[in-house]
């Protein structure tokens, strides 16, 4: 499975962005997917995740109520809708896929990674 993350950019605080994670390869619809971010000087952290079916989702407290993860298995794509963005959301965002239907919480639990997309939120 190869992942391609896109949709990052520069936005003002309060604005919105939608990230996309497009996958190539077979059986992507059986993989759980997570969106991680790495802020300057910090470790890569999981911010949202979705199970293979899309029924189960996870959000870190920092993004709960502002970010929405979804997937379209027919298009082999997972999305992260980010609203009410804050300067502290500035980071490189990575999507990752896990060869297991349920999502994991740590980077080590994921098998495939996209290249990352930069999100910068100005105050």
PDB file of N, CA and C in Angstrom:
ATOM      1  N   UNK A   1       0.847  -1.187   0.000  1.00  0.00           N
ATOM      2  CA  UNK A   1       0.000   0.000   0.000  1.00  0.00           C
ATOM      3  C   UNK A   1       0.886   1.242   0.000  1.00  0.00           C
ATOM      4  N   UNK A   2       0.588   2.156  -0.896  1.00  0.00           N
ATOM      5  CA  UNK A   2       1.289   3.442  -0.917  1.00  0.00           C
ATOM      6  C   UNK A   2       0.287   4.541  -0.615  1.00  0.00           C
ATOM      7  N   UNK A   3       0.707   5.486   0.206  1.00  0.00           N
ATOM      8  CA  UNK A   3      -0.176   6.560   0.642  1.00  0.00           C
ATOM      9  C   UNK A   3       0.348   7.897   0.168  1.00  0.00           C
ATOM     10  N   UNK A   4      -0.566   8.749  -0.253  1.00  0.00           N
ATOM     11  CA  UNK A   4      -0.214  10.088  -0.703  1.00  0.00           C
ATOM     12  C   UNK A   4      -1.094  11.088   0.041  1.00  0.00           C
ATOM     13  N   UNK A   5      -0.458  11.865   0.920  1.00  0.00           N
ATOM     14  CA  UNK A   5      -1.194  12.876   1.673  1.00  0.00           C
ATOM     15  C   UNK A   5      -1.145  14.204   0.925  1.00  0.00           C
ATOM     16  N   UNK A   6      -2.244  14.921   0.956  1.00  0.00           N
ATOM     17  CA  UNK A   6      -2.299  16.222   0.299  1.00  0.00           C
ATOM     18  C   UNK A   6      -3.314  17.108   1.001  1.00  0.00           C
ATOM     19  N   UNK A   7      -3.327  18.387   0.621  1.00  0.00           N
ATOM     20  CA  UNK A   7      -4.323  19.316   1.126  1.00  0.00           C
ATOM     21  C   UNK A   7      -3.821  20.301   2.153  1.00  0.00           C
ATOM     22  N   UNK A   8      -2.573  20.178   2.547  1.00  0.00           N
ATOM     23  CA  UNK A   8      -2.030  21.124   3.506  1.00  0.00           C
ATOM     24  C   UNK A   8      -1.853  22.503   2.896  1.00  0.00           C
ATOM     25  N   UNK A   9      -1.521  23.448   3.747  1.00  0.00           N
ATOM     26  CA  UNK A   9      -1.311  24.804   3.267  1.00  0.00           C
ATOM     27  C   UNK A   9      -1.239  25.787   4.408  1.00  0.00           C
ATOM     28  N   UNK A  10      -1.304  27.045   4.046  1.00  0.00           N
ATOM     29  CA  UNK A  10      -1.278  28.140   5.013  1.00  0.00           C
ATOM     30  C   UNK A  10      -2.685  28.693   5.163  1.00  0.00           C
ATOM     31  N   UNK A  11      -3.134  28.814   6.388  1.00  0.00           N
ATOM     32  CA  UNK A  11      -4.490  29.306   6.651  1.00  0.00           C
ATOM     33  C   UNK A  11      -4.468  30.169   7.896  1.00  0.00           C
ATOM     34  N   UNK A  12      -5.376  31.104   7.973  1.00  0.00           N
ATOM     35  CA  UNK A  12      -5.481  31.930   9.174  1.00  0.00           C
ATOM     36  C   UNK A  12      -6.213  31.189  10.269  1.00  0.00           C
ATOM     37  N   UNK A  13      -5.946  31.573  11.490  1.00  0.00           N
ATOM     38  CA  UNK A  13      -6.655  30.992  12.630  1.00  0.00           C
ATOM     39  C   UNK A  13      -8.156  31.127  12.419  1.00  0.00           C
ATOM     40  N   UNK A  14      -8.867  30.054  12.736  1.00  0.00           N
ATOM     41  CA  UNK A  14     -10.308  30.029  12.527  1.00  0.00           C
ATOM     42  C   UNK A  14     -10.720  29.455  11.194  1.00  0.00           C
ATOM     43  N   UNK A  15      -9.763  29.285  10.314  1.00  0.00           N
ATOM     44  CA  UNK A  15     -10.042  28.759   8.991  1.00  0.00           C
ATOM     45  C   UNK A  15     -10.132  27.245   8.971  1.00  0.00           C
ATOM     46  N   UNK A  16     -10.285  26.722   7.758  1.00  0.00           N
ATOM     47  CA  UNK A  16     -10.470  25.279   7.565  1.00  0.00           C
ATOM     48  C   UNK A  16      -9.563  24.763   6.450  1.00  0.00           C
ATOM     49  N   UNK A  17      -9.229  23.496   6.574  1.00  0.00           N
ATOM     50  CA  UNK A  17      -8.536  22.764   5.526  1.00  0.00           C
ATOM     51  C   UNK A  17      -9.078  21.341   5.508  1.00  0.00           C
ATOM     52  N   UNK A  18      -8.999  20.718   4.354  1.00  0.00           N
ATOM     53  CA  UNK A  18      -9.319  19.302   4.272  1.00  0.00           C
ATOM     54  C   UNK A  18      -8.125  18.559   3.712  1.00  0.00           C
ATOM     55  N   UNK A  19      -7.620  17.635   4.506  1.00  0.00           N
ATOM     56  CA  UNK A  19      -6.525  16.790   4.065  1.00  0.00           C
ATOM     57  C   UNK A  19      -7.081  15.525   3.439  1.00  0.00           C
ATOM     58  N   UNK A  20      -6.359  15.029   2.449  1.00  0.00           N
ATOM     59  CA  UNK A  20      -6.728  13.778   1.810  1.00  0.00           C
ATOM     60  C   UNK A  20      -5.564  12.804   1.883  1.00  0.00           C
ATOM     61  N   UNK A  21      -5.893  11.556   2.021  1.00  0.00           N
ATOM     62  CA  UNK A  21      -4.896  10.494   2.015  1.00  0.00           C
ATOM     63  C   UNK A  21      -5.358   9.477   0.982  1.00  0.00           C
ATOM     64  N   UNK A  22      -4.720   9.509  -0.169  1.00  0.00           N
ATOM     65  CA  UNK A  22      -5.092   8.618  -1.257  1.00  0.00           C
ATOM     66  C   UNK A  22      -4.187   7.401  -1.243  1.00  0.00           C
ATOM     67  N   UNK A  23      -4.783   6.239  -1.364  1.00  0.00           N
ATOM     68  CA  UNK A  23      -4.023   4.996  -1.280  1.00  0.00           C
ATOM     69  C   UNK A  23      -4.042   4.251  -2.599  1.00  0.00           C
ATOM     70  N   UNK A  24      -2.938   3.615  -2.881  1.00  0.00           N
ATOM     71  CA  UNK A  24      -2.888   2.689  -4.004  1.00  0.00           C
ATOM     72  C   UNK A  24      -2.544   1.325  -3.441  1.00  0.00           C
ATOM     73  N   UNK A  25      -2.972   0.316  -4.103  1.00  0.00           N
ATOM     74  CA  UNK A  25      -2.731  -1.023  -3.600  1.00  0.00           C
ATOM     75  C   UNK A  25      -4.035  -1.719  -3.271  1.00  0.00           C
ATOM     76  N   UNK A  26      -3.914  -2.970  -3.067  1.00  0.00           N
ATOM     77  CA  UNK A  26      -5.105  -3.782  -2.850  1.00  0.00           C
ATOM     78  C   UNK A  26      -5.538  -3.765  -1.391  1.00  0.00           C
ATOM     79  N   UNK A  27      -6.806  -3.983  -1.209  1.00  0.00           N
ATOM     80  CA  UNK A  27      -7.383  -4.219   0.108  1.00  0.00           C
ATOM     81  C   UNK A  27      -7.275  -3.039   1.045  1.00  0.00           C
ATOM     82  N   UNK A  28      -7.143  -1.827   0.501  1.00  0.00           N
ATOM     83  CA  UNK A  28      -7.075  -0.668   1.388  1.00  0.00           C
ATOM     84  C   UNK A  28      -8.313  -0.581   2.257  1.00  0.00           C
ATOM     85  N   UNK A  29      -9.429  -1.066   1.738  1.00  0.00           N
ATOM     86  CA  UNK A  29     -10.661  -0.970   2.511  1.00  0.00           C
ATOM     87  C   UNK A  29     -10.682  -1.894   3.711  1.00  0.00           C
ATOM     88  N   UNK A  30      -9.638  -2.666   3.911  1.00  0.00           N
ATOM     89  CA  UNK A  30      -9.536  -3.494   5.116  1.00  0.00           C
ATOM     90  C   UNK A  30      -8.571  -2.895   6.137  1.00  0.00           C
ATOM     91  N   UNK A  31      -7.996  -1.734   5.818  1.00  0.00           N
ATOM     92  CA  UNK A  31      -6.998  -1.111   6.683  1.00  0.00           C
ATOM     93  C   UNK A  31      -7.610  -0.005   7.527  1.00  0.00           C
ATOM     94  N   UNK A  32      -7.192   0.049   8.767  1.00  0.00           N
ATOM     95  CA  UNK A  32      -7.483   1.227   9.573  1.00  0.00           C
ATOM     96  C   UNK A  32      -6.491   2.321   9.184  1.00  0.00           C
ATOM     97  N   UNK A  33      -6.904   3.569   9.356  1.00  0.00           N
ATOM     98  CA  UNK A  33      -6.058   4.696   8.978  1.00  0.00           C
ATOM     99  C   UNK A  33      -6.018   5.718  10.100  1.00  0.00           C
ATOM    100  N   UNK A  34      -4.851   6.252  10.322  1.00  0.00           N
ATOM    101  CA  UNK A  34      -4.693   7.306  11.320  1.00  0.00           C
ATOM    102  C   UNK A  34      -4.060   8.538  10.707  1.00  0.00           C
ATOM    103  N   UNK A  35      -4.406   9.679  11.257  1.00  0.00           N
ATOM    104  CA  UNK A  35      -3.726  10.928  10.940  1.00  0.00           C
ATOM    105  C   UNK A  35      -2.884  11.331  12.147  1.00  0.00           C
ATOM    106  N   UNK A  36      -1.595  11.429  11.907  1.00  0.00           N
ATOM    107  CA  UNK A  36      -0.658  11.869  12.923  1.00  0.00           C
ATOM    108  C   UNK A  36      -0.182  13.273  12.559  1.00  0.00           C
ATOM    109  N   UNK A  37       0.371  13.942  13.540  1.00  0.00           N
ATOM    110  CA  UNK A  37       1.049  15.194  13.225  1.00  0.00           C
ATOM    111  C   UNK A  37       2.309  15.316  14.068  1.00  0.00           C
ATOM    112  N   UNK A  38       3.265  16.008  13.462  1.00  0.00           N
ATOM    113  CA  UNK A  38       4.515  16.284  14.169  1.00  0.00           C
ATOM    114  C   UNK A  38       4.717  17.789  14.171  1.00  0.00           C
ATOM    115  N   UNK A  39       4.552  18.371  15.334  1.00  0.00           N
ATOM    116  CA  UNK A  39       4.801  19.802  15.496  1.00  0.00           C
ATOM    117  C   UNK A  39       6.288  20.013  15.760  1.00  0.00           C
ATOM    118  N   UNK A  40       6.794  21.196  15.494  1.00  0.00           N
ATOM    119  CA  UNK A  40       8.222  21.467  15.732  1.00  0.00           C
ATOM    120  C   UNK A  40       8.615  21.143  17.170  1.00  0.00           C
ATOM    121  N   UNK A  41       9.647  20.341  17.316  1.00  0.00           N
ATOM    122  CA  UNK A  41      10.154  20.000  18.634  1.00  0.00           C
ATOM    123  C   UNK A  41       9.357  18.950  19.384  1.00  0.00           C
ATOM    124  N   UNK A  42       8.383  18.361  18.703  1.00  0.00           N
ATOM    125  CA  UNK A  42       7.541  17.373  19.377  1.00  0.00           C
ATOM    126  C   UNK A  42       7.573  16.040  18.642  1.00  0.00           C
ATOM    127  N   UNK A  43       7.106  15.027  19.321  1.00  0.00           N
ATOM    128  CA  UNK A  43       7.015  13.707  18.724  1.00  0.00           C
ATOM    129  C   UNK A  43       5.786  13.620  17.823  1.00  0.00           C
ATOM    130  N   UNK A  44       5.797  12.640  16.955  1.00  0.00           N
ATOM    131  CA  UNK A  44       4.643  12.382  16.105  1.00  0.00           C
ATOM    132  C   UNK A  44       3.515  11.830  16.973  1.00  0.00           C
ATOM    133  N   UNK A  45       2.347  12.431  16.879  1.00  0.00           N
ATOM    134  CA  UNK A  45       1.225  12.039  17.729  1.00  0.00           C
ATOM    135  C   UNK A  45      -0.026  11.785  16.899  1.00  0.00           C
ATOM    136  N   UNK A  46      -0.762  10.793  17.322  1.00  0.00           N
ATOM    137  CA  UNK A  46      -2.025  10.473  16.656  1.00  0.00           C
ATOM    138  C   UNK A  46      -3.070  11.515  17.027  1.00  0.00           C
ATOM    139  N   UNK A  47      -3.754  12.048  16.033  1.00  0.00           N
ATOM    140  CA  UNK A  47      -4.802  13.017  16.295  1.00  0.00           C
ATOM    141  C   UNK A  47      -6.185  12.515  15.893  1.00  0.00           C
ATOM    142  N   UNK A  48      -6.252  11.632  14.931  1.00  0.00           N
ATOM    143  CA  UNK A  48      -7.539  11.073  14.525  1.00  0.00           C
ATOM    144  C   UNK A  48      -7.286   9.734  13.856  1.00  0.00           C
ATOM    145  N   UNK A  49      -8.259   8.843  13.978  1.00  0.00           N
ATOM    146  CA  UNK A  49      -8.130   7.531  13.353  1.00  0.00           C
ATOM    147  C   UNK A  49      -9.499   6.997  13.014  1.00  0.00           C
ATOM    148  N   UNK A  50      -9.504   6.070  12.064  1.00  0.00           N
ATOM    149  CA  UNK A  50     -10.771   5.500  11.618  1.00  0.00           C
ATOM    150  C   UNK A  50     -10.574   4.028  11.306  1.00  0.00           C
ATOM    151  N   UNK A  51     -11.539   3.223  11.661  1.00  0.00           N
ATOM    152  CA  UNK A  51     -11.473   1.793  11.395  1.00  0.00           C
ATOM    153  C   UNK A  51     -11.718   1.517   9.918  1.00  0.00           C
ATOM    154  N   UNK A  52     -11.529   0.277   9.534  1.00  0.00           N
ATOM    155  CA  UNK A  52     -11.666  -0.064   8.127  1.00  0.00           C
ATOM    156  C   UNK A  52     -13.057   0.243   7.592  1.00  0.00           C
ATOM    157  N   UNK A  53     -14.057   0.079   8.427  1.00  0.00           N
ATOM    158  CA  UNK A  53     -15.440   0.272   7.991  1.00  0.00           C
ATOM    159  C   UNK A  53     -15.889   1.712   8.075  1.00  0.00           C
ATOM    160  N   UNK A  54     -15.137   2.504   8.854  1.00  0.00           N
ATOM    161  CA  UNK A  54     -15.557   3.871   9.091  1.00  0.00           C
ATOM    162  C   UNK A  54     -16.505   4.027  10.266  1.00  0.00           C
ATOM    163  N   UNK A  55     -16.888   2.932  10.845  1.00  0.00           N
ATOM    164  CA  UNK A  55     -17.864   2.987  11.947  1.00  0.00           C
ATOM    165  C   UNK A  55     -17.225   3.517  13.221  1.00  0.00           C
ATOM    166  N   UNK A  56     -15.981   3.128  13.451  1.00  0.00           N
ATOM    167  CA  UNK A  56     -15.303   3.524  14.681  1.00  0.00           C
ATOM    168  C   UNK A  56     -14.265   4.604  14.379  1.00  0.00           C
ATOM    169  N   UNK A  57     -14.305   5.672  15.168  1.00  0.00           N
ATOM    170  CA  UNK A  57     -13.343   6.758  15.001  1.00  0.00           C
ATOM    171  C   UNK A  57     -12.761   7.159  16.349  1.00  0.00           C
ATOM    172  N   UNK A  58     -11.627   7.808  16.267  1.00  0.00           N
ATOM    173  CA  UNK A  58     -10.942   8.299  17.455  1.00  0.00           C
ATOM    174  C   UNK A  58     -10.457   9.717  17.189  1.00  0.00           C
ATOM    175  N   UNK A  59     -10.547  10.554  18.223  1.00  0.00           N
ATOM    176  CA  UNK A  59     -10.000  11.913  18.156  1.00  0.00           C
ATOM    177  C   UNK A  59      -9.249  12.214  19.446  1.00  0.00           C
ATOM    178  N   UNK A  60      -8.088  12.791  19.297  1.00  0.00           N
ATOM    179  CA  UNK A  60      -7.372  13.285  20.462  1.00  0.00           C
ATOM    180  C   UNK A  60      -8.130  14.479  21.037  1.00  0.00           C
ATOM    181  N   UNK A  61      -7.970  14.691  22.309  1.00  0.00           N
ATOM    182  CA  UNK A  61      -8.693  15.778  22.976  1.00  0.00           C
ATOM    183  C   UNK A  61      -8.417  17.131  22.313  1.00  0.00           C
ATOM    184  N   UNK A  62      -7.201  17.305  21.834  1.00  0.00           N
ATOM    185  CA  UNK A  62      -6.807  18.602  21.269  1.00  0.00           C
ATOM    186  C   UNK A  62      -7.587  18.969  20.012  1.00  0.00           C
ATOM    187  N   UNK A  63      -8.160  17.962  19.339  1.00  0.00           N
ATOM    188  CA  UNK A  63      -8.846  18.239  18.071  1.00  0.00           C
ATOM    189  C   UNK A  63     -10.321  17.862  18.113  1.00  0.00           C
ATOM    190  N   UNK A  64     -10.743  17.277  19.180  1.00  0.00           N
ATOM    191  CA  UNK A  64     -12.132  16.811  19.287  1.00  0.00           C
ATOM    192  C   UNK A  64     -13.100  17.982  19.113  1.00  0.00           C
ATOM    193  N   UNK A  65     -14.092  17.759  18.283  1.00  0.00           N
ATOM    194  CA  UNK A  65     -15.078  18.805  18.025  1.00  0.00           C
ATOM    195  C   UNK A  65     -14.691  19.745  16.901  1.00  0.00           C
ATOM    196  N   UNK A  66     -13.438  19.683  16.455  1.00  0.00           N
ATOM    197  CA  UNK A  66     -12.972  20.560  15.365  1.00  0.00           C
ATOM    198  C   UNK A  66     -12.584  19.762  14.116  1.00  0.00           C
ATOM    199  N   UNK A  67     -12.046  18.572  14.307  1.00  0.00           N
ATOM    200  CA  UNK A  67     -11.593  17.743  13.195  1.00  0.00           C
ATOM    201  C   UNK A  67     -12.580  16.593  12.993  1.00  0.00           C
ATOM    202  N   UNK A  68     -12.738  16.198  11.744  1.00  0.00           N
ATOM    203  CA  UNK A  68     -13.580  15.051  11.415  1.00  0.00           C
ATOM    204  C   UNK A  68     -12.839  14.162  10.425  1.00  0.00           C
ATOM    205  N   UNK A  69     -12.707  12.899  10.785  1.00  0.00           N
ATOM    206  CA  UNK A  69     -12.084  11.931   9.890  1.00  0.00           C
ATOM    207  C   UNK A  69     -13.170  11.118   9.209  1.00  0.00           C
ATOM    208  N   UNK A  70     -12.966  10.827   7.944  1.00  0.00           N
ATOM    209  CA  UNK A  70     -13.935  10.033   7.198  1.00  0.00           C
ATOM    210  C   UNK A  70     -13.185   9.278   6.108  1.00  0.00           C
ATOM    211  N   UNK A  71     -13.873   8.337   5.489  1.00  0.00           N
ATOM    212  CA  UNK A  71     -13.236   7.591   4.417  1.00  0.00           C
ATOM    213  C   UNK A  71     -14.231   7.243   3.340  1.00  0.00           C
ATOM    214  N   UNK A  72     -13.719   7.131   2.140  1.00  0.00           N
ATOM    215  CA  UNK A  72     -14.501   6.687   0.994  1.00  0.00           C
ATOM    216  C   UNK A  72     -13.739   5.503   0.421  1.00  0.00           C
ATOM    217  N   UNK A  73     -14.148   4.314   0.787  1.00  0.00           N
ATOM    218  CA  UNK A  73     -13.412   3.125   0.355  1.00  0.00           C
ATOM    219  C   UNK A  73     -13.513   2.890  -1.147  1.00  0.00           C
ATOM    220  N   UNK A  74     -14.561   3.379  -1.751  1.00  0.00           N
ATOM    221  CA  UNK A  74     -14.675   3.240  -3.201  1.00  0.00           C
ATOM    222  C   UNK A  74     -13.602   4.051  -3.920  1.00  0.00           C
ATOM    223  N   UNK A  75     -13.137   5.119  -3.268  1.00  0.00           N
ATOM    224  CA  UNK A  75     -12.098   5.969  -3.842  1.00  0.00           C
ATOM    225  C   UNK A  75     -10.737   5.736  -3.205  1.00  0.00           C
ATOM    226  N   UNK A  76     -10.662   4.766  -2.277  1.00  0.00           N
ATOM    227  CA  UNK A  76      -9.399   4.490  -1.583  1.00  0.00           C
ATOM    228  C   UNK A  76      -8.820   5.755  -0.951  1.00  0.00           C
ATOM    229  N   UNK A  77      -9.668   6.536  -0.322  1.00  0.00           N
ATOM    230  CA  UNK A  77      -9.233   7.817   0.225  1.00  0.00           C
ATOM    231  C   UNK A  77      -9.801   8.029   1.630  1.00  0.00           C
ATOM    232  N   UNK A  78      -8.965   8.564   2.478  1.00  0.00           N
ATOM    233  CA  UNK A  78      -9.383   8.981   3.816  1.00  0.00           C
ATOM    234  C   UNK A  78      -9.181  10.488   3.905  1.00  0.00           C
ATOM    235  N   UNK A  79     -10.126  11.147   4.564  1.00  0.00           N
ATOM    236  CA  UNK A  79     -10.103  12.601   4.673  1.00  0.00           C
ATOM    237  C   UNK A  79      -9.976  13.040   6.125  1.00  0.00           C
ATOM    238  N   UNK A  80      -9.419  14.207   6.299  1.00  0.00           N
ATOM    239  CA  UNK A  80      -9.416  14.853   7.610  1.00  0.00           C
ATOM    240  C   UNK A  80      -9.878  16.279   7.410  1.00  0.00           C
ATOM    241  N   UNK A  81     -11.109  16.548   7.794  1.00  0.00           N
ATOM    242  CA  UNK A  81     -11.659  17.896   7.728  1.00  0.00           C
ATOM    243  C   UNK A  81     -11.266  18.621   9.004  1.00  0.00           C
ATOM    244  N   UNK A  82     -10.578  19.721   8.834  1.00  0.00           N
ATOM    245  CA  UNK A  82     -10.076  20.475   9.984  1.00  0.00           C
ATOM    246  C   UNK A  82     -10.718  21.859   9.987  1.00  0.00           C
ATOM    247  N   UNK A  83     -11.510  22.121  11.011  1.00  0.00           N
ATOM    248  CA  UNK A  83     -12.190  23.397  11.159  1.00  0.00           C
ATOM    249  C   UNK A  83     -11.672  24.129  12.393  1.00  0.00           C
ATOM    250  N   UNK A  84     -11.978  25.404  12.455  1.00  0.00           N
ATOM    251  CA  UNK A  84     -11.583  26.225  13.609  1.00  0.00           C
ATOM    252  C   UNK A  84     -10.113  26.030  13.942  1.00  0.00           C
ATOM    253  N   UNK A  85      -9.292  26.111  12.935  1.00  0.00           N
ATOM    254  CA  UNK A  85      -7.866  25.846  13.128  1.00  0.00           C
ATOM    255  C   UNK A  85      -7.221  26.890  14.029  1.00  0.00           C
ATOM    256  N   UNK A  86      -6.257  26.407  14.787  1.00  0.00           N
ATOM    257  CA  UNK A  86      -5.530  27.236  15.738  1.00  0.00           C
ATOM    258  C   UNK A  86      -4.040  27.222  15.387  1.00  0.00           C
ATOM    259  N   UNK A  87      -3.304  28.229  15.806  1.00  0.00           N
ATOM    260  CA  UNK A  87      -1.854  28.212  15.538  1.00  0.00           C
ATOM    261  C   UNK A  87      -1.166  26.954  16.070  1.00  0.00           C
ATOM    262  N   UNK A  88      -1.658  26.410  17.151  1.00  0.00           N
ATOM    263  CA  UNK A  88      -1.052  25.198  17.710  1.00  0.00           C
ATOM    264  C   UNK A  88      -1.330  23.952  16.885  1.00  0.00           C
ATOM    265  N   UNK A  89      -2.160  24.065  15.861  1.00  0.00           N
ATOM    266  CA  UNK A  89      -2.362  22.958  14.930  1.00  0.00           C
ATOM    267  C   UNK A  89      -1.271  22.909  13.861  1.00  0.00           C
ATOM    268  N   UNK A  90      -0.411  23.901  13.850  1.00  0.00           N
ATOM    269  CA  UNK A  90       0.684  23.931  12.881  1.00  0.00           C
ATOM    270  C   UNK A  90       1.587  22.716  13.065  1.00  0.00           C
ATOM    271  N   UNK A  91       1.773  21.969  11.981  1.00  0.00           N
ATOM    272  CA  UNK A  91       2.555  20.736  12.051  1.00  0.00           C
ATOM    273  C   UNK A  91       2.625  20.126  10.659  1.00  0.00           C
ATOM    274  N   UNK A  92       3.457  19.110  10.543  1.00  0.00           N
ATOM    275  CA  UNK A  92       3.400  18.239   9.371  1.00  0.00           C
ATOM    276  C   UNK A  92       2.436  17.114   9.703  1.00  0.00           C
ATOM    277  N   UNK A  93       1.481  16.908   8.830  1.00  0.00           N
ATOM    278  CA  UNK A  93       0.457  15.889   9.043  1.00  0.00           C
ATOM    279  C   UNK A  93       0.752  14.678   8.162  1.00  0.00           C
ATOM    280  N   UNK A  94       0.685  13.515   8.775  1.00  0.00           N
ATOM    281  CA  UNK A  94       0.956  12.264   8.087  1.00  0.00           C
ATOM    282  C   UNK A  94      -0.264  11.351   8.192  1.00  0.00           C
ATOM    283  N   UNK A  95      -0.570  10.676   7.118  1.00  0.00           N
ATOM    284  CA  UNK A  95      -1.551   9.598   7.226  1.00  0.00           C
ATOM    285  C   UNK A  95      -0.788   8.276   7.248  1.00  0.00           C
ATOM    286  N   UNK A  96      -1.362   7.329   7.930  1.00  0.00           N
ATOM    287  CA  UNK A  96      -0.742   6.017   8.075  1.00  0.00           C
ATOM    288  C   UNK A  96      -1.817   4.949   8.056  1.00  0.00           C
ATOM    289  N   UNK A  97      -1.471   3.814   7.513  1.00  0.00           N
ATOM    290  CA  UNK A  97      -2.427   2.714   7.411  1.00  0.00           C
ATOM    291  C   UNK A  97      -1.924   1.514   8.196  1.00  0.00           C
ATOM    292  N   UNK A  98      -2.855   0.858   8.777  1.00  0.00           N
ATOM    293  CA  UNK A  98      -2.540  -0.303   9.590  1.00  0.00           C
ATOM    294  C   UNK A  98      -3.218  -1.520   8.985  1.00  0.00           C
ATOM    295  N   UNK A  99      -2.436  -2.564   8.799  1.00  0.00           N
ATOM    296  CA  UNK A  99      -2.964  -3.768   8.189  1.00  0.00           C
ATOM    297  C   UNK A  99      -3.787  -4.579   9.167  1.00  0.00           C
ATOM    298  N   UNK A 100      -4.743  -3.930   9.735  1.00  0.00           N
ATOM    299  CA  UNK A 100      -5.599  -4.492  10.766  1.00  0.00           C
ATOM    300  C   UNK A 100      -6.844  -3.616  10.772  1.00  0.00           C
ATOM    301  N   UNK A 101      -7.970  -4.206  10.947  1.00  0.00           N
ATOM    302  CA  UNK A 101      -9.203  -3.442  10.846  1.00  0.00           C
ATOM    303  C   UNK A 101      -9.370  -2.355  11.879  1.00  0.00           C
ATOM    304  N   UNK A 102      -8.779  -2.563  13.061  1.00  0.00           N
ATOM    305  CA  UNK A 102      -8.923  -1.581  14.135  1.00  0.00           C
ATOM    306  C   UNK A 102      -7.717  -0.646  14.163  1.00  0.00           C
ATOM    307  N   UNK A 103      -7.944   0.602  14.518  1.00  0.00           N
ATOM    308  CA  UNK A 103      -6.842   1.554  14.531  1.00  0.00           C
ATOM    309  C   UNK A 103      -5.988   1.364  15.777  1.00  0.00           C
ATOM    310  N   UNK A 104      -4.748   1.799  15.681  1.00  0.00           N
ATOM    311  CA  UNK A 104      -3.846   1.788  16.814  1.00  0.00           C
ATOM    312  C   UNK A 104      -3.573   3.197  17.274  1.00  0.00           C
ATOM    313  N   UNK A 105      -2.872   3.346  18.386  1.00  0.00           N
ATOM    314  CA  UNK A 105      -2.650   4.660  18.974  1.00  0.00           C
ATOM    315  C   UNK A 105      -1.223   5.145  18.867  1.00  0.00           C
ATOM    316  N   UNK A 106      -0.301   4.285  18.483  1.00  0.00           N
ATOM    317  CA  UNK A 106       1.101   4.684  18.413  1.00  0.00           C
ATOM    318  C   UNK A 106       1.632   4.480  16.995  1.00  0.00           C
ATOM    319  N   UNK A 107       2.650   5.247  16.618  1.00  0.00           N
ATOM    320  CA  UNK A 107       3.203   5.109  15.262  1.00  0.00           C
ATOM    321  C   UNK A 107       3.671   3.687  14.948  1.00  0.00           C
ATOM    322  N   UNK A 108       4.196   2.999  15.939  1.00  0.00           N
ATOM    323  CA  UNK A 108       4.730   1.652  15.702  1.00  0.00           C
ATOM    324  C   UNK A 108       3.659   0.655  15.265  1.00  0.00           C
ATOM    325  N   UNK A 109       2.410   0.975  15.503  1.00  0.00           N
ATOM    326  CA  UNK A 109       1.330   0.059  15.153  1.00  0.00           C
ATOM    327  C   UNK A 109       0.891   0.182  13.699  1.00  0.00           C
ATOM    328  N   UNK A 110       1.464   1.133  12.980  1.00  0.00           N
ATOM    329  CA  UNK A 110       1.073   1.372  11.600  1.00  0.00           C
ATOM    330  C   UNK A 110       2.150   0.861  10.649  1.00  0.00           C
ATOM    331  N   UNK A 111       1.689   0.345   9.518  1.00  0.00           N
ATOM    332  CA  UNK A 111       2.581  -0.342   8.589  1.00  0.00           C
ATOM    333  C   UNK A 111       3.020   0.529   7.416  1.00  0.00           C
ATOM    334  N   UNK A 112       2.173   1.452   7.015  1.00  0.00           N
ATOM    335  CA  UNK A 112       2.438   2.245   5.821  1.00  0.00           C
ATOM    336  C   UNK A 112       2.223   3.717   6.142  1.00  0.00           C
ATOM    337  N   UNK A 113       3.088   4.555   5.548  1.00  0.00           N
ATOM    338  CA  UNK A 113       3.050   5.984   5.832  1.00  0.00           C
ATOM    339  C   UNK A 113       3.065   6.798   4.550  1.00  0.00           C
ATOM    340  N   UNK A 114       2.314   7.885   4.581  1.00  0.00           N
ATOM    341  CA  UNK A 114       2.408   8.866   3.527  1.00  0.00           C
ATOM    342  C   UNK A 114       3.579   9.790   3.789  1.00  0.00           C
ATOM    343  N   UNK A 115       3.815  10.710   2.868  1.00  0.00           N
ATOM    344  CA  UNK A 115       5.010  11.542   2.932  1.00  0.00           C
ATOM    345  C   UNK A 115       4.847  12.782   3.814  1.00  0.00           C
ATOM    346  N   UNK A 116       3.642  13.080   4.235  1.00  0.00           N
ATOM    347  CA  UNK A 116       3.425  14.250   5.075  1.00  0.00           C
ATOM    348  C   UNK A 116       3.032  15.472   4.277  1.00  0.00           C
ATOM    349  N   UNK A 117       2.187  16.286   4.872  1.00  0.00           N
ATOM    350  CA  UNK A 117       1.775  17.540   4.255  1.00  0.00           C
ATOM    351  C   UNK A 117       1.794  18.628   5.327  1.00  0.00           C
ATOM    352  N   UNK A 118       2.364  19.763   4.996  1.00  0.00           N
ATOM    353  CA  UNK A 118       2.548  20.835   5.974  1.00  0.00           C
ATOM    354  C   UNK A 118       1.266  21.641   6.135  1.00  0.00           C
ATOM    355  N   UNK A 119       0.882  21.843   7.377  1.00  0.00           N
ATOM    356  CA  UNK A 119      -0.230  22.721   7.718  1.00  0.00           C
ATOM    357  C   UNK A 119       0.326  23.842   8.587  1.00  0.00           C
ATOM    358  N   UNK A 120       0.104  25.066   8.177  1.00  0.00           N
ATOM    359  CA  UNK A 120       0.560  26.216   8.932  1.00  0.00           C
ATOM    360  C   UNK A 120      -0.628  27.125   9.202  1.00  0.00           C
ATOM    361  N   UNK A 121      -0.848  27.417  10.476  1.00  0.00           N
ATOM    362  CA  UNK A 121      -1.967  28.260  10.868  1.00  0.00           C
ATOM    363  C   UNK A 121      -1.399  29.548  11.458  1.00  0.00           C
ATOM    364  N   UNK A 122      -1.716  30.651  10.841  1.00  0.00           N
ATOM    365  CA  UNK A 122      -1.214  31.935  11.309  1.00  0.00           C
ATOM    366  C   UNK A 122      -2.206  32.585  12.259  1.00  0.00           C
ATOM    367  N   UNK A 123      -1.672  33.334  13.192  1.00  0.00           N
ATOM    368  CA  UNK A 123      -2.544  33.987  14.189  1.00  0.00           C
ATOM    369  C   UNK A 123      -3.005  35.356  13.714  1.00  0.00           C
TER     370      UNK A 123
END
